[in-house]
Every structure is written in structure tokens, then in C-alpha cells.
C-alpha atoms as a PDB file:
ATOM      1  CA  MET A   1     290.848 116.918  42.539  1.00  0.00           C
ATOM      2  CA  ALA A   2     288.268 117.356  40.060  1.00  0.00           C
ATOM      3  CA  GLU A   3     284.442 115.718  39.622  1.00  0.00           C
ATOM      4  CA  GLN A   4     284.027 112.970  37.744  1.00  0.00           C
ATOM      5  CA  VAL A   5     281.062 112.878  35.755  1.00  0.00           C
ATOM      6  CA  TYR A   6     279.454 109.337  34.305  1.00  0.00           C
ATOM      7  CA  THR A   7     276.029 109.373  32.433  1.00  0.00           C
ATOM      8  CA  PHE A   8     274.509 105.938  32.239  1.00  0.00           C
ATOM      9  CA  ASP A   9     271.328 105.781  29.959  1.00  0.00           C
ATOM     10  CA  ASP A  10     269.297 109.171  31.206  1.00  0.00           C
ATOM     11  CA  GLU A  11     271.086 109.025  34.115  1.00  0.00           C
ATOM     12  CA  LEU A  12     273.693 111.532  35.360  1.00  0.00           C
ATOM     13  CA  VAL A  13     276.241 110.259  37.852  1.00  0.00           C
ATOM     14  CA  ILE A  14     278.526 112.815  39.398  1.00  0.00           C
ATOM     15  CA  ALA A  15     281.956 111.877  41.721  1.00  0.00           C
ATOM     16  CA  THR A  16     282.289 114.183  43.787  1.00  0.00           C
ATOM     17  CA  PRO A  17     286.335 114.900  45.359  1.00  0.00           C
ATOM     18  CA  GLU A  18     284.832 113.888  48.175  1.00  0.00           C
ATOM     19  CA  HIS A  19     284.068 110.377  46.987  1.00  0.00           C
ATOM     20  CA  VAL A  20     279.992 111.120  47.552  1.00  0.00           C
ATOM     21  CA  GLU A  21     278.692 110.015  44.635  1.00  0.00           C
ATOM     22  CA  LEU A  22     275.849 112.310  42.835  1.00  0.00           C
ATOM     23  CA  TYR A  23     272.919 110.295  40.728  1.00  0.00           C
ATOM     24  CA  PHE A  24     270.929 113.007  39.155  1.00  0.00           C
ATOM     25  CA  VAL A  25     268.017 112.193  35.603  1.00  0.00           C
ATOM     26  CA  LEU A  26     268.262 114.010  32.739  1.00  0.00           C
ATOM     27  CA  ALA A  27     265.606 115.963  31.431  1.00  0.00           C
ATOM     28  CA  SER A  28     264.195 114.397  28.422  1.00  0.00           C
ATOM     29  CA  ILE A  29     263.483 116.676  25.255  1.00  0.00           C
ATOM     30  CA  GLY A  30     259.579 116.961  25.567  1.00  0.00           C
ATOM     31  CA  SER A  31     259.631 117.664  29.053  1.00  0.00           C
ATOM     32  CA  ARG A  32     262.085 120.661  28.624  1.00  0.00           C
ATOM     33  CA  PHE A  33     259.962 121.610  24.916  1.00  0.00           C
ATOM     34  CA  LEU A  34     257.121 122.227  27.001  1.00  0.00           C
ATOM     35  CA  ALA A  35     258.703 123.886  30.094  1.00  0.00           C
ATOM     36  CA  ALA A  36     260.328 126.247  27.006  1.00  0.00           C
ATOM     37  CA  PHE A  37     256.496 126.559  25.349  1.00  0.00           C
ATOM     38  CA  ILE A  38     255.131 127.707  28.766  1.00  0.00           C
ATOM     39  CA  ASP A  39     257.782 129.850  29.122  1.00  0.00           C
ATOM     40  CA  HIS A  40     257.438 131.916  25.864  1.00  0.00           C
ATOM     41  CA  ILE A  41     253.910 131.782  26.750  1.00  0.00           C
ATOM     42  CA  ILE A  42     254.736 134.074  29.727  1.00  0.00           C
ATOM     43  CA  GLN A  43     256.842 136.799  27.793  1.00  0.00           C
ATOM     44  CA  VAL A  44     254.540 136.851  25.078  1.00  0.00           C
ATOM     45  CA  ILE A  45     251.786 138.078  27.213  1.00  0.00           C
ATOM     46  CA  ALA A  46     254.501 140.485  29.187  1.00  0.00           C
ATOM     47  CA  LEU A  47     254.952 141.923  25.688  1.00  0.00           C
ATOM     48  CA  VAL A  48     252.072 142.653  24.628  1.00  0.00           C
ATOM     49  CA  ALA A  49     250.905 143.798  28.487  1.00  0.00           C
ATOM     50  CA  VAL A  50     254.407 146.591  27.275  1.00  0.00           C
ATOM     51  CA  SER A  51     252.900 147.086  23.758  1.00  0.00           C
ATOM     52  CA  LEU A  52     249.723 147.882  25.405  1.00  0.00           C
ATOM     53  CA  SER A  53     250.631 150.100  28.028  1.00  0.00           C
ATOM     54  CA  ALA A  54     252.448 151.837  25.872  1.00  0.00           C
ATOM     55  CA  TYR A  55     250.120 152.371  23.500  1.00  0.00           C
ATOM     56  CA  VAL A  56     247.382 153.404  25.962  1.00  0.00           C
ATOM     57  CA  LEU A  57     250.178 156.209  27.093  1.00  0.00           C
ATOM     58  CA  ASP A  58     250.626 157.423  24.198  1.00  0.00           C
ATOM     59  CA  TRP A  59     246.764 158.337  23.399  1.00  0.00           C
ATOM     60  CA  LYS A  60     246.325 159.431  26.873  1.00  0.00           C
ATOM     61  CA  PHE A  61     249.305 162.078  26.214  1.00  0.00           C
ATOM     62  CA  PRO A  62     249.632 162.658  22.626  1.00  0.00           C
ATOM     63  CA  HIS A  63     251.363 165.945  23.124  1.00  0.00           C
ATOM     64  CA  TRP A  64     253.630 164.528  25.617  1.00  0.00           C
ATOM     65  CA  SER A  65     256.825 165.437  25.027  1.00  0.00           C
ATOM     66  CA  PHE A  66     258.755 162.127  26.311  1.00  0.00           C
ATOM     67  CA  ASN A  67     257.145 160.011  23.522  1.00  0.00           C
ATOM     68  CA  LYS A  68     260.437 158.804  22.453  1.00  0.00           C
ATOM     69  CA  TRP A  69     261.315 158.333  25.675  1.00  0.00           C
ATOM     70  CA  LEU A  70     258.769 156.073  26.283  1.00  0.00           C
ATOM     71  CA  ALA A  71     258.880 154.504  22.493  1.00  0.00           C
ATOM     72  CA  ALA A  72     262.525 153.428  23.905  1.00  0.00           C
ATOM     73  CA  ALA A  73     261.960 152.603  27.557  1.00  0.00           C
ATOM     74  CA  SER A  74     259.437 150.184  25.987  1.00  0.00           C
ATOM     75  CA  ILE A  75     261.821 148.583  23.625  1.00  0.00           C
ATOM     76  CA  LEU A  76     264.737 148.327  26.419  1.00  0.00           C
ATOM     77  CA  LEU A  77     262.111 146.888  28.390  1.00  0.00           C
ATOM     78  CA  SER A  78     260.743 143.912  25.663  1.00  0.00           C
ATOM     79  CA  PHE A  79     264.246 142.970  25.024  1.00  0.00           C
ATOM     80  CA  GLY A  80     264.741 142.399  29.003  1.00  0.00           C
ATOM     81  CA  ILE A  81     261.658 140.026  29.197  1.00  0.00           C
ATOM     82  CA  TYR A  82     263.258 138.348  26.113  1.00  0.00           C
ATOM     83  CA  ILE A  83     266.890 138.379  27.680  1.00  0.00           C
ATOM     84  CA  GLY A  84     266.454 138.757  31.078  1.00  0.00           C
ATOM     85  CA  TYR A  85     263.063 136.528  31.688  1.00  0.00           C
ATOM     86  CA  PHE A  86     264.682 133.261  31.626  1.00  0.00           C
ATOM     87  CA  ALA A  87     268.473 134.779  33.184  1.00  0.00           C
ATOM     88  CA  LEU A  88     266.581 136.353  36.373  1.00  0.00           C
ATOM     89  CA  PHE A  89     264.234 133.573  37.397  1.00  0.00           C
ATOM     90  CA  GLU A  90     266.761 130.984  36.684  1.00  0.00           C
ATOM     91  CA  THR A  91     268.703 132.860  39.071  1.00  0.00           C
ATOM     92  CA  PHE A  92     266.731 133.541  41.717  1.00  0.00           C
ATOM     93  CA  TRP A  93     264.760 129.932  41.768  1.00  0.00           C
ATOM     94  CA  SER A  94     267.975 128.131  42.012  1.00  0.00           C
ATOM     95  CA  GLY A  95     267.886 127.006  38.265  1.00  0.00           C
ATOM     96  CA  GLN A  96     264.208 127.468  37.707  1.00  0.00           C
ATOM     97  CA  THR A  97     261.417 129.062  35.519  1.00  0.00           C
ATOM     98  CA  PRO A  98     258.023 129.139  35.573  1.00  0.00           C
ATOM     99  CA  GLY A  99     257.691 126.675  32.689  1.00  0.00           C
ATOM    100  CA  LYS A 100     260.587 124.437  34.218  1.00  0.00           C
ATOM    101  CA  ARG A 101     258.820 124.546  37.852  1.00  0.00           C
ATOM    102  CA  TRP A 102     255.639 123.250  36.243  1.00  0.00           C
ATOM    103  CA  MET A 103     257.244 120.073  34.674  1.00  0.00           C
ATOM    104  CA  LYS A 104     259.826 119.323  37.555  1.00  0.00           C
ATOM    105  CA  LEU A 105     262.875 120.243  35.958  1.00  0.00           C
ATOM    106  CA  ARG A 106     266.078 122.267  37.265  1.00  0.00           C
ATOM    107  CA  VAL A 107     269.211 123.555  35.584  1.00  0.00           C
ATOM    108  CA  ILE A 108     272.594 122.890  37.353  1.00  0.00           C
ATOM    109  CA  ARG A 109     276.196 122.876  37.311  1.00  0.00           C
ATOM    110  CA  ASP A 110     278.338 120.444  36.067  1.00  0.00           C
ATOM    111  CA  ASP A 111     279.695 119.759  39.070  1.00  0.00           C
ATOM    112  CA  GLY A 112     275.996 119.396  40.393  1.00  0.00           C
ATOM    113  CA  ARG A 113     276.075 122.498  42.288  1.00  0.00           C
ATOM    114  CA  PRO A 114     273.663 125.199  42.345  1.00  0.00           C
ATOM    115  CA  ILE A 115     273.795 127.587  38.962  1.00  0.00           C
ATOM    116  CA  GLY A 116     275.097 131.296  39.555  1.00  0.00           C
ATOM    117  CA  PHE A 117     273.738 134.386  37.603  1.00  0.00           C
ATOM    118  CA  PHE A 118     276.887 134.262  35.702  1.00  0.00           C
ATOM    119  CA  GLU A 119     276.027 130.674  34.162  1.00  0.00           C
ATOM    120  CA  ALA A 120     272.089 132.021  34.112  1.00  0.00           C
ATOM    121  CA  LEU A 121     273.210 134.883  31.546  1.00  0.00           C
ATOM    122  CA  VAL A 122     275.596 132.926  29.229  1.00  0.00           C
ATOM    123  CA  ARG A 123     273.364 129.917  28.899  1.00  0.00           C
ATOM    124  CA  ASN A 124     270.073 132.484  27.489  1.00  0.00           C
ATOM    125  CA  LEU A 125     272.361 134.567  25.806  1.00  0.00           C
ATOM    126  CA  ILE A 126     273.035 131.529  23.671  1.00  0.00           C
ATOM    127  CA  ARG A 127     269.701 130.752  23.777  1.00  0.00           C
ATOM    128  CA  ILE A 128     269.673 132.722  20.887  1.00  0.00           C
ATOM    129  CA  LEU A 129     271.707 130.476  18.439  1.00  0.00           C
ATOM    130  CA  ASP A 130     269.955 127.468  19.691  1.00  0.00           C
ATOM    131  CA  MET A 131     266.760 128.972  18.560  1.00  0.00           C
ATOM    132  CA  MET A 132     268.280 128.817  14.912  1.00  0.00           C
ATOM    133  CA  PRO A 133     267.057 129.158  11.925  1.00  0.00           C
ATOM    134  CA  PRO A 134     265.088 132.297  13.012  1.00  0.00           C
ATOM    135  CA  SER A 135     261.055 131.702  12.628  1.00  0.00           C
ATOM    136  CA  VAL A 136     257.849 133.719  14.035  1.00  0.00           C
ATOM    137  CA  VAL A 137     257.743 130.666  16.536  1.00  0.00           C
ATOM    138  CA  PRO A 138     260.874 129.300  17.651  1.00  0.00           C
ATOM    139  CA  SER A 139     261.851 125.619  16.887  1.00  0.00           C
ATOM    140  CA  TYR A 140     264.876 125.233  18.429  1.00  0.00           C
ATOM    141  CA  ALA A 141     266.346 123.278  15.193  1.00  0.00           C
ATOM    142  CA  VAL A 142     270.242 123.902  16.370  1.00  0.00           C
ATOM    143  CA  GLY A 143     269.860 123.358  19.880  1.00  0.00           C
ATOM    144  CA  VAL A 144     267.215 119.821  19.297  1.00  0.00           C
ATOM    145  CA  MET A 145     269.879 118.425  17.902  1.00  0.00           C
ATOM    146  CA  THR A 146     272.287 119.351  19.954  1.00  0.00           C
ATOM    147  CA  ILE A 147     270.598 117.707  22.592  1.00  0.00           C
ATOM    148  CA  ILE A 148     270.471 114.321  20.554  1.00  0.00           C
ATOM    149  CA  LEU A 149     273.735 114.443  19.667  1.00  0.00           C
ATOM    150  CA  SER A 150     274.727 115.275  23.641  1.00  0.00           C
ATOM    151  CA  PRO A 151     275.717 112.335  25.865  1.00  0.00           C
ATOM    152  CA  GLU A 152     274.427 114.985  28.920  1.00  0.00           C
ATOM    153  CA  SER A 153     271.280 116.367  26.638  1.00  0.00           C
ATOM    154  CA  LYS A 154     272.537 119.115  26.623  1.00  0.00           C
ATOM    155  CA  ARG A 155     272.082 122.319  24.070  1.00  0.00           C
ATOM    156  CA  VAL A 156     274.936 124.903  22.799  1.00  0.00           C
ATOM    157  CA  GLY A 157     274.150 127.244  25.707  1.00  0.00           C
ATOM    158  CA  ASP A 158     275.080 124.726  28.184  1.00  0.00           C
ATOM    159  CA  TYR A 159     277.962 123.294  27.142  1.00  0.00           C
ATOM    160  CA  VAL A 160     279.079 127.459  26.929  1.00  0.00           C
ATOM    161  CA  ALA A 161     277.686 127.889  30.499  1.00  0.00           C
ATOM    162  CA  GLY A 162     278.669 124.367  31.852  1.00  0.00           C
ATOM    163  CA  THR A 163     275.072 123.503  33.009  1.00  0.00           C
ATOM    164  CA  VAL A 164     273.322 120.761  32.436  1.00  0.00           C
ATOM    165  CA  VAL A 165     269.075 120.160  32.734  1.00  0.00           C
ATOM    166  CA  VAL A 166     267.659 117.420  35.155  1.00  0.00           C
ATOM    167  CA  LYS A 167     264.570 116.739  36.764  1.00  0.00           C
ATOM    168  CA  GLU A 168     263.494 116.985  40.048  1.00  0.00           C
ATOM    169  CA  ARG A 169     262.742 113.740  42.307  1.00  0.00           C
ATOM    170  CA  SER A 170     259.092 113.048  42.846  1.00  0.00           C
ATOM    171  CA  THR A 171     259.754 112.860  46.742  1.00  0.00           C
ATOM    172  CA  GLU A 172     260.905 115.860  48.901  1.00  0.00           C
ATOM    173  CA  ALA A 173     264.568 116.439  49.661  1.00  0.00           C
ATOM    174  CA  PRO A 174     266.626 118.801  51.085  1.00  0.00           C
ATOM    175  CA  PRO A 175     267.898 121.482  49.275  1.00  0.00           C
ATOM    176  CA  LEU A 176     271.302 120.343  46.968  1.00  0.00           C
ATOM    177  CA  LYS A 177     273.887 122.542  48.967  1.00  0.00           C
ATOM    178  CA  GLU A 178     272.790 121.320  52.102  1.00  0.00           C
ATOM    179  CA  ILE A 179     273.351 118.189  50.721  1.00  0.00           C
ATOM    180  CA  ILE A 180     276.334 119.032  49.278  1.00  0.00           C
ATOM    181  CA  GLU A 181     278.191 120.373  52.459  1.00  0.00           C
ATOM    182  CA  LEU A 182     276.323 117.983  54.134  1.00  0.00           C
ATOM    183  CA  SER A 183     278.739 115.313  51.889  1.00  0.00           C
ATOM    184  CA  GLU A 184     281.628 117.296  52.456  1.00  0.00           C
ATOM    185  CA  THR A 185     281.025 117.547  56.402  1.00  0.00           C
ATOM    186  CA  GLU A 186     280.699 113.533  56.850  1.00  0.00           C
ATOM    187  CA  ALA A 187     283.869 112.998  54.583  1.00  0.00           C
ATOM    188  CA  ARG A 188     285.862 115.115  56.974  1.00  0.00           C
ATOM    189  CA  TYR A 189     284.465 113.768  59.836  1.00  0.00           C
ATOM    190  CA  LEU A 190     284.641 109.859  58.746  1.00  0.00           C
ATOM    191  CA  ARG A 191     288.197 110.707  57.590  1.00  0.00           C
ATOM    192  CA  LYS A 192     289.199 111.149  61.742  1.00  0.00           C
ATOM    193  CA  ILE A 193     287.119 107.875  62.110  1.00  0.00           C
ATOM    194  CA  PRO A 194     290.050 105.153  62.092  1.00  0.00           C
ATOM    195  CA  GLU A 195     291.525 107.210  64.659  1.00  0.00           C
ATOM    196  CA  ARG A 196     289.111 107.990  67.354  1.00  0.00           C
ATOM    197  CA  THR A 197     288.126 104.069  67.080  1.00  0.00           C
ATOM    198  CA  PHE A 198     291.758 103.113  67.839  1.00  0.00           C
ATOM    199  CA  LYS A 199     292.539 104.961  70.633  1.00  0.00           C
ATOM    200  CA  SER A 200     288.932 104.431  72.322  1.00  0.00           C
ATOM    201  CA  ASN A 201     289.011 100.987  72.220  1.00  0.00           C
ATOM    202  CA  LEU A 202     292.857 101.332  73.008  1.00  0.00           C
ATOM    203  CA  ARG A 203     291.591 102.865  76.283  1.00  0.00           C
ATOM    204  CA  LEU A 204     288.836 100.642  76.786  1.00  0.00           C
ATOM    205  CA  LEU A 205     291.421  97.761  77.230  1.00  0.00           C
ATOM    206  CA  SER A 206     293.737  99.404  79.310  1.00  0.00           C
ATOM    207  CA  LYS A 207     290.930  99.460  81.834  1.00  0.00           C
ATOM    208  CA  ARG A 208     290.190  95.831  82.087  1.00  0.00           C
ATOM    209  CA  LYS A 209     291.801  94.134  84.861  1.00  0.00           C
ATOM    210  CA  SER A 210     291.033  90.712  83.792  1.00  0.00           C
ATOM    211  CA  PRO A 211     290.306  88.834  80.498  1.00  0.00           C
ATOM    212  CA  PRO A 212     287.082  89.459  79.628  1.00  0.00           C
ATOM    213  CA  TRP A 213     286.784  85.652  79.057  1.00  0.00           C
ATOM    214  CA  LYS A 214     288.012  84.532  82.590  1.00  0.00           C
ATOM    215  CA  CYS A 215     285.249  82.281  84.142  1.00  0.00           C
ATOM    216  CA  SER A 216     283.878  83.359  87.303  1.00  0.00           C
ATOM    217  CA  CYS A 217     282.504  80.496  88.482  1.00  0.00           C
ATOM    218  CA  ASP A 218     284.031  77.738  91.335  1.00  0.00           C
ATOM    219  CA  ASP A 219     286.572  75.124  90.438  1.00  0.00           C
ATOM    220  CA  ASP A 220     283.762  72.228  91.983  1.00  0.00           C
ATOM    221  CA  THR A 221     280.844  73.547  90.172  1.00  0.00           C
ATOM    222  CA  ILE A 222     283.037  71.966  87.006  1.00  0.00           C
END
């Protein structure tokens, strides 16, 4: 049986096959935009550091025979920072980047489980489409329109990867993986409760020698 997903205003409710409902608060456009802004600032700082490093090496070793390889490595590293930044952080930080962690947001799968490398890579490869139209500063016009029209506040990358961005609760809670494992364990245990309860009650009644309502007082005292 597949999970069922419901949305109420800004709340996402996922009903698992174990009949356990998981409640999440959907991330707003403003918080997602600020998180992306923080992440892009970090990306720009990293790209500037790579460019300066390549320039310094080229200046100090002008006759170095590997300058072309250095330029190629700089381009590949810059591309890796641009694409791999989001994918790697969301993989190893369980759906978070520095910007999302600062804004207390997290990316999860549609079934409420943590995302893996595949989901993180796909949603961030499609980020290029969400950032359209192209400009010096990412406008995210396509992504913003998709989020507004989506009942689950999804951009195009979320639809393709099967993910959703939610807010983290203010109070500390156990990891989502532990909650799901605990829910499955409880569900398996609850299925066995009626049979166990019936057998234990039957054994208890069979041990009684007299009814529990029998009066132990003498007839003269009545």
C-alpha cells in the first residue's frame, strides 16, 4: 500500500502504510529564497577563491607547462561548485545546505523519508530550469511560479526528483529515520496485541478458584 499525501494550507500530511500520519510544515517562498541567497553567496566566495588561486599560480609560474591543465581544472572545479554544492550538501547533511540549515529548512522525499544522492542530484540539475530566465543574478522566475501554483510548494526540480521542502520544528526531535523505524515497529507490535491480551486474560481467569465478586463475610453479619 502506497503512502497517501494530503495538504492543508501550509501543512503536509503523509499517511504511511502502517497507518501513521506524519505532519510537516511546508517551507514558504520567502524562507526558500533567503536560503538560496545564502547558498549562492557561499558559492560566489568559493568561485572567487578558485579563480584567485588559479591566477596566483599562473602569475608565479608563467612558464609552467601545465598552465592549460590548470585552466581546465579551474573550469571543472567551478562547475563542480556550481552543481555539486547543493547535491553534496543535501546528500551528506540529510536534505540541508548551509542556507537551509540557517533558515531551518530541509528537503525530504514525498513519502517523508530522507533524500539520497539521486534525489539531491536530480533536483539540483533541474535547478538550471528553475532559475530561468538567465540573468547575472538568478531570478528563479520559473521556480517561483511553480511553487505558487503547486499545492505542495514544489518547484520543477522537486517534481522531477519526488521531493518537497519543509520547515524543521523549533523543538528538538529525533531524526526522521528513527521516527519511521519506530512507527513500523509499533505497528507490528500493535497487530499482535489483541491475541496476546486475549490469551493472558484467559489464563488469568482459568487460575481463579472462585468468582471475584463472591463475598467472604459470614452470614451472621448480614
